[in-house]
């Protein structure tokens, strides 16, 4: 798991810092209900990502910023369907978060304000749950120890992922 942390962290930092800028310069692949898909050149080749924002965040943590859920393809790095959350708040150091979809739970490791799937062997199961589900929740612990639950709509997620797969 540690060997994946640096590339994943780098990807998340690139997304967190550049998504607002990329959204302006990226090519829009489509808007699909609650999700949007984009393609952009990140300097190492084309990357594509599908993204959405939470519908609800309870409670709203102090210092809450923009939150996003991403599914990213980076063909130049042989990455497909990478799941990443930028929570909009800082996770408690060393804590894990959980993705829940239709009764299935998946562990996320956290660092700063971002989280990724802890067990990459579960990526296909998570992708299938996203395709079959209607709502996804992320439960995490903020740096101040508050449990935060974010709810995301999965309406349009499948079409958004199909768009990035067709492009990248």
C-alpha atoms as a PDB file:
ATOM      1  CA  UNK A   1       0.000   0.000   0.000  1.00  0.00           C
ATOM      2  CA  UNK A   2       2.845   2.413   0.840  1.00  0.00           C
ATOM      3  CA  UNK A   3       4.390   2.026  -2.610  1.00  0.00           C
ATOM      4  CA  UNK A   4       1.152   3.351  -4.156  1.00  0.00           C
ATOM      5  CA  UNK A   5       0.846   6.324  -1.796  1.00  0.00           C
ATOM      6  CA  UNK A   6       3.309   8.656  -3.526  1.00  0.00           C
ATOM      7  CA  UNK A   7       1.899   8.276  -7.060  1.00  0.00           C
ATOM      8  CA  UNK A   8      -1.636   8.480  -5.736  1.00  0.00           C
ATOM      9  CA  UNK A   9      -0.838  11.482  -3.573  1.00  0.00           C
ATOM     10  CA  UNK A  10       0.798  13.193  -6.517  1.00  0.00           C
ATOM     11  CA  UNK A  11      -2.278  12.496  -8.636  1.00  0.00           C
ATOM     12  CA  UNK A  12      -4.606  13.829  -5.982  1.00  0.00           C
ATOM     13  CA  UNK A  13      -2.528  16.938  -5.469  1.00  0.00           C
ATOM     14  CA  UNK A  14      -2.474  17.548  -9.211  1.00  0.00           C
ATOM     15  CA  UNK A  15      -6.249  17.123  -9.353  1.00  0.00           C
ATOM     16  CA  UNK A  16      -6.950  19.184  -6.246  1.00  0.00           C
ATOM     17  CA  UNK A  17      -4.778  22.058  -7.389  1.00  0.00           C
ATOM     18  CA  UNK A  18      -5.486  21.969 -11.101  1.00  0.00           C
ATOM     19  CA  UNK A  19      -9.119  20.906 -11.456  1.00  0.00           C
ATOM     20  CA  UNK A  20     -10.491  24.443 -11.215  1.00  0.00           C
ATOM     21  CA  UNK A  21      -7.924  25.565 -13.802  1.00  0.00           C
ATOM     22  CA  UNK A  22      -8.352  22.434 -15.913  1.00  0.00           C
ATOM     23  CA  UNK A  23     -12.108  22.802 -15.861  1.00  0.00           C
ATOM     24  CA  UNK A  24     -11.516  26.068 -17.708  1.00  0.00           C
ATOM     25  CA  UNK A  25      -8.886  24.657 -20.109  1.00  0.00           C
ATOM     26  CA  UNK A  26      -9.963  21.017 -20.223  1.00  0.00           C
ATOM     27  CA  UNK A  27     -12.084  19.622 -22.946  1.00  0.00           C
ATOM     28  CA  UNK A  28     -15.544  18.817 -21.667  1.00  0.00           C
ATOM     29  CA  UNK A  29     -16.484  15.301 -22.701  1.00  0.00           C
ATOM     30  CA  UNK A  30     -19.995  15.694 -21.382  1.00  0.00           C
ATOM     31  CA  UNK A  31     -22.336  16.459 -18.526  1.00  0.00           C
ATOM     32  CA  UNK A  32     -24.290  13.453 -17.341  1.00  0.00           C
ATOM     33  CA  UNK A  33     -26.929  14.368 -14.759  1.00  0.00           C
ATOM     34  CA  UNK A  34     -24.905  14.873 -11.547  1.00  0.00           C
ATOM     35  CA  UNK A  35     -21.517  14.015 -13.099  1.00  0.00           C
ATOM     36  CA  UNK A  36     -19.229  15.675 -15.638  1.00  0.00           C
ATOM     37  CA  UNK A  37     -16.337  14.253 -17.652  1.00  0.00           C
ATOM     38  CA  UNK A  38     -13.204  16.025 -18.864  1.00  0.00           C
ATOM     39  CA  UNK A  39      -9.993  15.361 -20.770  1.00  0.00           C
ATOM     40  CA  UNK A  40      -6.846  17.401 -20.256  1.00  0.00           C
ATOM     41  CA  UNK A  41      -3.106  17.240 -20.830  1.00  0.00           C
ATOM     42  CA  UNK A  42      -1.405  17.018 -17.439  1.00  0.00           C
ATOM     43  CA  UNK A  43       2.137  17.322 -18.821  1.00  0.00           C
ATOM     44  CA  UNK A  44       2.735  13.569 -18.975  1.00  0.00           C
ATOM     45  CA  UNK A  45      -0.016  12.868 -21.484  1.00  0.00           C
ATOM     46  CA  UNK A  46      -3.758  12.952 -21.663  1.00  0.00           C
ATOM     47  CA  UNK A  47      -5.742  12.272 -18.534  1.00  0.00           C
ATOM     48  CA  UNK A  48      -9.497  11.950 -18.298  1.00  0.00           C
ATOM     49  CA  UNK A  49     -11.631  12.270 -15.238  1.00  0.00           C
ATOM     50  CA  UNK A  50     -15.255  12.028 -14.240  1.00  0.00           C
ATOM     51  CA  UNK A  51     -16.234  14.113 -11.251  1.00  0.00           C
ATOM     52  CA  UNK A  52     -19.102  15.128  -9.023  1.00  0.00           C
ATOM     53  CA  UNK A  53     -19.678  17.172  -5.887  1.00  0.00           C
ATOM     54  CA  UNK A  54     -21.417  16.000  -2.731  1.00  0.00           C
ATOM     55  CA  UNK A  55     -25.151  16.605  -2.427  1.00  0.00           C
ATOM     56  CA  UNK A  56     -24.872  16.860   1.368  1.00  0.00           C
ATOM     57  CA  UNK A  57     -22.159  17.120   3.997  1.00  0.00           C
ATOM     58  CA  UNK A  58     -23.156  16.570   7.631  1.00  0.00           C
ATOM     59  CA  UNK A  59     -22.002  18.214   9.766  1.00  0.00           C
ATOM     60  CA  UNK A  60     -20.160  20.869   7.824  1.00  0.00           C
ATOM     61  CA  UNK A  61     -16.647  20.905   9.332  1.00  0.00           C
ATOM     62  CA  UNK A  62     -14.801  24.100  10.232  1.00  0.00           C
ATOM     63  CA  UNK A  63     -12.806  25.432   7.303  1.00  0.00           C
ATOM     64  CA  UNK A  64     -14.835  23.381   4.822  1.00  0.00           C
ATOM     65  CA  UNK A  65     -13.789  23.946   1.217  1.00  0.00           C
ATOM     66  CA  UNK A  66     -14.663  22.496  -2.169  1.00  0.00           C
ATOM     67  CA  UNK A  67     -15.229  18.733  -2.177  1.00  0.00           C
ATOM     68  CA  UNK A  68     -15.098  16.428  -5.195  1.00  0.00           C
ATOM     69  CA  UNK A  69     -15.198  12.748  -6.033  1.00  0.00           C
ATOM     70  CA  UNK A  70     -13.103  11.714  -9.038  1.00  0.00           C
ATOM     71  CA  UNK A  71     -12.669   8.672 -11.195  1.00  0.00           C
ATOM     72  CA  UNK A  72      -9.539   9.107 -13.279  1.00  0.00           C
ATOM     73  CA  UNK A  73      -7.904   7.412 -16.273  1.00  0.00           C
ATOM     74  CA  UNK A  74      -4.262   8.156 -17.089  1.00  0.00           C
ATOM     75  CA  UNK A  75      -3.388   5.815 -19.972  1.00  0.00           C
ATOM     76  CA  UNK A  76       0.235   7.005 -20.093  1.00  0.00           C
ATOM     77  CA  UNK A  77       0.653   5.658 -16.550  1.00  0.00           C
ATOM     78  CA  UNK A  78      -1.542   2.577 -17.148  1.00  0.00           C
ATOM     79  CA  UNK A  79      -4.121   3.870 -14.637  1.00  0.00           C
ATOM     80  CA  UNK A  80      -7.791   3.219 -15.230  1.00  0.00           C
ATOM     81  CA  UNK A  81     -10.735   3.883 -12.921  1.00  0.00           C
ATOM     82  CA  UNK A  82      -8.730   5.357 -10.022  1.00  0.00           C
ATOM     83  CA  UNK A  83     -11.131   6.390  -7.249  1.00  0.00           C
ATOM     84  CA  UNK A  84     -10.209   9.556  -5.332  1.00  0.00           C
ATOM     85  CA  UNK A  85     -12.025  11.890  -2.959  1.00  0.00           C
ATOM     86  CA  UNK A  86     -10.998  15.423  -2.093  1.00  0.00           C
ATOM     87  CA  UNK A  87     -13.138  15.886   1.009  1.00  0.00           C
ATOM     88  CA  UNK A  88     -13.004  19.650   1.469  1.00  0.00           C
ATOM     89  CA  UNK A  89     -11.707  19.164   5.024  1.00  0.00           C
ATOM     90  CA  UNK A  90      -8.571  17.646   6.527  1.00  0.00           C
ATOM     91  CA  UNK A  91      -8.890  14.050   7.665  1.00  0.00           C
ATOM     92  CA  UNK A  92      -7.620  13.070  11.085  1.00  0.00           C
ATOM     93  CA  UNK A  93      -4.008  11.896  10.735  1.00  0.00           C
ATOM     94  CA  UNK A  94      -3.793   8.126  10.427  1.00  0.00           C
ATOM     95  CA  UNK A  95      -7.543   7.688  10.053  1.00  0.00           C
ATOM     96  CA  UNK A  96      -9.364   5.612   7.471  1.00  0.00           C
ATOM     97  CA  UNK A  97     -12.539   6.634   5.663  1.00  0.00           C
ATOM     98  CA  UNK A  98     -15.298   4.425   4.263  1.00  0.00           C
ATOM     99  CA  UNK A  99     -17.189   4.407   0.968  1.00  0.00           C
ATOM    100  CA  UNK A 100     -20.654   2.876   1.266  1.00  0.00           C
ATOM    101  CA  UNK A 101     -22.846   1.963  -1.700  1.00  0.00           C
ATOM    102  CA  UNK A 102     -25.951  -0.185  -1.432  1.00  0.00           C
ATOM    103  CA  UNK A 103     -24.799  -2.013   1.686  1.00  0.00           C
ATOM    104  CA  UNK A 104     -21.247  -2.573   0.426  1.00  0.00           C
ATOM    105  CA  UNK A 105     -18.360  -0.877   2.231  1.00  0.00           C
ATOM    106  CA  UNK A 106     -14.880  -0.109   0.930  1.00  0.00           C
ATOM    107  CA  UNK A 107     -11.981   1.181   3.037  1.00  0.00           C
ATOM    108  CA  UNK A 108     -10.144   4.346   2.006  1.00  0.00           C
ATOM    109  CA  UNK A 109      -6.762   5.485   3.234  1.00  0.00           C
ATOM    110  CA  UNK A 110      -6.502   9.195   3.878  1.00  0.00           C
ATOM    111  CA  UNK A 111      -3.831  11.837   3.663  1.00  0.00           C
ATOM    112  CA  UNK A 112      -4.521  15.519   4.209  1.00  0.00           C
ATOM    113  CA  UNK A 113      -7.887  16.251   2.616  1.00  0.00           C
ATOM    114  CA  UNK A 114      -7.780  13.332   0.161  1.00  0.00           C
ATOM    115  CA  UNK A 115      -8.671   9.634   0.255  1.00  0.00           C
ATOM    116  CA  UNK A 116      -8.104   6.657  -2.052  1.00  0.00           C
ATOM    117  CA  UNK A 117      -9.183   3.040  -2.175  1.00  0.00           C
ATOM    118  CA  UNK A 118      -7.050   1.186   0.390  1.00  0.00           C
ATOM    119  CA  UNK A 119      -7.074  -2.174  -1.404  1.00  0.00           C
ATOM    120  CA  UNK A 120      -6.615  -1.877  -5.164  1.00  0.00           C
ATOM    121  CA  UNK A 121      -7.865  -5.456  -5.518  1.00  0.00           C
ATOM    122  CA  UNK A 122     -11.308  -4.034  -4.630  1.00  0.00           C
ATOM    123  CA  UNK A 123     -11.316  -1.538  -7.532  1.00  0.00           C
ATOM    124  CA  UNK A 124     -13.486  -3.712  -9.805  1.00  0.00           C
ATOM    125  CA  UNK A 125     -15.981  -4.352  -6.992  1.00  0.00           C
ATOM    126  CA  UNK A 126     -16.174  -0.625  -6.219  1.00  0.00           C
ATOM    127  CA  UNK A 127     -16.655   0.189  -9.914  1.00  0.00           C
ATOM    128  CA  UNK A 128     -19.475  -2.378 -10.151  1.00  0.00           C
ATOM    129  CA  UNK A 129     -21.124  -0.970  -7.019  1.00  0.00           C
ATOM    130  CA  UNK A 130     -20.956   2.552  -8.467  1.00  0.00           C
ATOM    131  CA  UNK A 131     -22.596   1.353 -11.702  1.00  0.00           C
ATOM    132  CA  UNK A 132     -25.369  -0.444  -9.783  1.00  0.00           C
ATOM    133  CA  UNK A 133     -25.935   2.115  -7.020  1.00  0.00           C
ATOM    134  CA  UNK A 134     -27.863   5.331  -6.721  1.00  0.00           C
ATOM    135  CA  UNK A 135     -26.092   7.003  -3.785  1.00  0.00           C
ATOM    136  CA  UNK A 136     -22.552   6.823  -2.459  1.00  0.00           C
ATOM    137  CA  UNK A 137     -21.552   8.003   1.006  1.00  0.00           C
ATOM    138  CA  UNK A 138     -18.104   8.808   2.309  1.00  0.00           C
ATOM    139  CA  UNK A 139     -17.690   8.680   6.080  1.00  0.00           C
ATOM    140  CA  UNK A 140     -14.511  10.149   7.491  1.00  0.00           C
ATOM    141  CA  UNK A 141     -13.104  11.716  10.624  1.00  0.00           C
ATOM    142  CA  UNK A 142     -11.983  15.328  10.470  1.00  0.00           C
ATOM    143  CA  UNK A 143      -8.749  16.579  12.023  1.00  0.00           C
ATOM    144  CA  UNK A 144     -10.820  17.800  14.986  1.00  0.00           C
ATOM    145  CA  UNK A 145     -12.277  14.305  15.559  1.00  0.00           C
ATOM    146  CA  UNK A 146     -15.732  14.962  14.095  1.00  0.00           C
ATOM    147  CA  UNK A 147     -17.313  12.187  12.029  1.00  0.00           C
ATOM    148  CA  UNK A 148     -18.347  13.693   8.677  1.00  0.00           C
ATOM    149  CA  UNK A 149     -20.704  12.023   6.199  1.00  0.00           C
ATOM    150  CA  UNK A 150     -20.843  13.183   2.594  1.00  0.00           C
ATOM    151  CA  UNK A 151     -23.528  11.911   0.230  1.00  0.00           C
ATOM    152  CA  UNK A 152     -22.967  11.812  -3.542  1.00  0.00           C
ATOM    153  CA  UNK A 153     -25.469  11.065  -6.282  1.00  0.00           C
ATOM    154  CA  UNK A 154     -24.485   8.311  -8.696  1.00  0.00           C
ATOM    155  CA  UNK A 155     -26.960   9.526 -11.302  1.00  0.00           C
ATOM    156  CA  UNK A 156     -24.903   9.844 -14.480  1.00  0.00           C
ATOM    157  CA  UNK A 157     -21.799   8.119 -13.070  1.00  0.00           C
ATOM    158  CA  UNK A 158     -21.891   5.232 -15.530  1.00  0.00           C
ATOM    159  CA  UNK A 159     -22.243   7.506 -18.578  1.00  0.00           C
ATOM    160  CA  UNK A 160     -19.479   9.787 -17.250  1.00  0.00           C
ATOM    161  CA  UNK A 161     -17.151   6.820 -16.827  1.00  0.00           C
ATOM    162  CA  UNK A 162     -18.000   5.529 -20.284  1.00  0.00           C
ATOM    163  CA  UNK A 163     -17.080   8.945 -21.703  1.00  0.00           C
ATOM    164  CA  UNK A 164     -13.642   8.965 -20.073  1.00  0.00           C
ATOM    165  CA  UNK A 165     -13.034   5.346 -21.078  1.00  0.00           C
ATOM    166  CA  UNK A 166     -13.831   6.157 -24.693  1.00  0.00           C
ATOM    167  CA  UNK A 167     -11.412   9.122 -24.640  1.00  0.00           C
ATOM    168  CA  UNK A 168      -8.602   7.657 -22.492  1.00  0.00           C
END
